[in-house]
Structure formats: C-alpha cells, structure tokens
Amino acid sequence: MTHEELLARVTVDPKVCTGKPCIRGTRIYIAIILDALAEGLTPEEIIDHYPSLKIEDIRAAVAYAAELARENVWKIKLDENLSRHLKAPLLGLGHEVSTALCTPLHLPN
C-alpha cells in the first residue's frame, strides 16, 4: 500500500468526531491508535480492542502522524481581536492562516 493510499484511510471532517482525525468509516481517532502504540500495545492488540480496524489502519495512523511532524503545523487558539491583527502579517509572510478549527497550544512551564 502506498503512502498516499494509507493517508486516504484517514479522514478529517468537521461533521465526524468534531473534526478530529479518525480512520475513514469509523469514529476511531488517530490519537487513540497512537496512544495505544505509545503505551506498548502491538497493532494486533489494538485490532483486538477495535475489531473494525485493519493493520493498514494502524499504519495509516502512523503515516498521518509522520506527515504532521514533517509539516511543522502549529494549531493555536487566538483571541478573536488578536487573530484579526495577526492574520495579515502572517499571510504577508506566506503562512496559511485559519482560525476556524484551531485548538489550544499548551507550552511546558
């Protein structure tokens, strides 16, 4: 299965799971799969917990995470007024700016 085919298994739709990335045709978040892998579960154990998943779905979750790591995309929640003031300068620098589906960025203390 190609990288593009794996990524096609992932969907991000505001009408499904409030726009959180999940495996197409399911409501299983990519984050759930990644958390399970991080805790040491094998792909087979994850599939045992979520029988609708296939091994390609586990690979798709990892491929999606790798894409996000490569993109250097930061999602931050801005105050509405601050957002309007920052949008033009960021666009001027060639950055894409979207405030519709932003989530908070938590920085370590």
Protein backbone atom coordinates (compact mmCIF):
# COMPACT_ATOMS: atom_id res chain seq x y z
CA MET A 1 0.00 0.00 0.00
CA THR A 2 1.43 3.39 -0.99
CA HIS A 3 1.86 6.33 1.36
CA GLU A 4 -1.00 8.15 -0.38
CA GLU A 5 -3.26 5.11 -0.05
CA LEU A 6 -2.51 4.95 3.67
CA LEU A 7 -3.27 8.64 4.13
CA ALA A 8 -6.55 8.18 2.23
CA ARG A 9 -7.67 5.92 5.09
CA VAL A 10 -7.63 8.96 7.40
CA THR A 11 -10.44 11.50 7.36
CA VAL A 12 -10.79 14.92 8.93
CA ASP A 13 -14.39 16.10 8.69
CA PRO A 14 -15.97 18.71 10.98
CA LYS A 15 -19.19 16.63 10.88
CA VAL A 16 -17.44 13.47 12.14
CA CYS A 17 -15.75 13.33 15.54
CA THR A 18 -15.83 17.15 15.71
CA GLY A 19 -13.17 17.32 13.02
CA LYS A 20 -10.59 15.20 14.82
CA PRO A 21 -8.60 12.91 12.51
CA CYS A 22 -10.03 9.40 12.50
CA ILE A 23 -9.94 6.26 10.41
CA ARG A 24 -12.33 6.58 7.47
CA GLY A 25 -15.63 4.79 8.04
CA THR A 26 -15.11 4.63 11.81
CA ARG A 27 -15.16 7.03 14.72
CA ILE A 28 -11.80 5.80 15.96
CA TYR A 29 -9.46 8.74 16.49
CA ILE A 30 -5.93 8.60 15.14
CA ALA A 31 -4.83 9.77 18.59
CA ILE A 32 -6.35 6.65 20.21
CA ILE A 33 -4.30 4.42 17.93
CA LEU A 34 -1.12 6.42 18.51
CA ASP A 35 -1.66 6.47 22.29
CA ALA A 36 -2.11 2.70 22.27
CA LEU A 37 1.11 2.22 20.30
CA ALA A 38 2.94 4.60 22.65
CA GLU A 39 1.74 2.54 25.62
CA GLY A 40 3.29 -0.55 24.07
CA LEU A 41 0.29 -2.28 22.57
CA THR A 42 1.02 -4.18 19.39
CA PRO A 43 -1.04 -3.49 16.26
CA GLU A 44 -2.70 -6.87 16.77
CA GLU A 45 -3.71 -5.94 20.34
CA ILE A 46 -5.20 -2.66 19.11
CA ILE A 47 -7.17 -4.54 16.47
CA ASP A 48 -8.41 -6.92 19.19
CA HIS A 49 -9.79 -3.87 21.06
CA TYR A 50 -11.18 -2.29 17.87
CA PRO A 51 -12.16 -5.17 15.56
CA SER A 52 -13.29 -2.81 12.78
CA LEU A 53 -9.64 -1.77 12.28
CA LYS A 54 -7.26 -3.42 9.89
CA ILE A 55 -3.47 -3.46 10.04
CA GLU A 56 -3.43 -0.85 7.27
CA ASP A 57 -5.40 1.49 9.56
CA ILE A 58 -2.66 1.26 12.20
CA ARG A 59 -0.07 2.03 9.52
CA ALA A 60 -2.26 4.90 8.30
CA ALA A 61 -2.32 6.43 11.78
CA VAL A 62 1.47 6.35 11.97
CA ALA A 63 1.79 7.74 8.44
CA TYR A 64 -0.59 10.57 9.33
CA ALA A 65 1.41 11.41 12.46
CA ALA A 66 4.62 11.42 10.40
CA GLU A 67 3.02 13.84 7.92
CA LEU A 68 2.05 16.19 10.72
CA ALA A 69 5.57 16.07 12.15
CA ARG A 70 7.03 16.93 8.73
CA GLU A 71 4.60 19.80 8.08
CA ASN A 72 5.55 21.84 11.14
CA VAL A 73 1.93 22.93 11.50
CA TRP A 74 1.09 24.66 14.75
CA LYS A 75 -2.53 24.99 15.75
CA ILE A 76 -3.12 27.72 18.28
CA LYS A 77 -6.24 29.36 19.63
CA LEU A 78 -6.11 33.12 19.40
CA ASP A 79 -8.34 35.74 20.91
CA GLU A 80 -10.69 36.93 18.13
CA ASN A 81 -9.27 40.50 18.15
CA LEU A 82 -5.67 39.35 18.29
CA SER A 83 -6.41 36.90 15.49
CA ARG A 84 -7.53 39.70 13.17
CA HIS A 85 -4.38 41.71 13.93
CA LEU A 86 -2.01 38.79 13.36
CA LYS A 87 -3.67 37.34 10.29
CA ALA A 88 -2.46 39.95 7.77
CA PRO A 89 1.22 39.87 8.83
CA LEU A 90 1.27 36.07 8.82
CA LEU A 91 -0.33 35.96 5.38
CA GLY A 92 2.23 38.52 4.24
CA LEU A 93 4.99 36.13 5.29
CA GLY A 94 3.45 33.37 3.18
CA HIS A 95 1.85 31.40 6.03
CA GLU A 96 -1.57 29.84 5.78
CA VAL A 97 -3.87 31.14 8.48
CA SER A 98 -7.12 29.53 9.54
CA THR A 99 -8.93 30.24 12.78
CA ALA A 100 -11.97 28.07 12.14
CA LEU A 101 -10.71 24.81 13.66
CA CYS A 102 -7.87 25.95 15.91
CA THR A 103 -7.07 24.17 19.14
CA PRO A 104 -5.06 25.45 22.09
CA LEU A 105 -1.29 25.07 22.10
CA HIS A 106 -0.02 24.04 25.53
CA LEU A 107 3.57 25.01 26.18
CA PRO A 108 5.58 23.47 29.03
CA ASN A 109 6.22 25.74 32.01
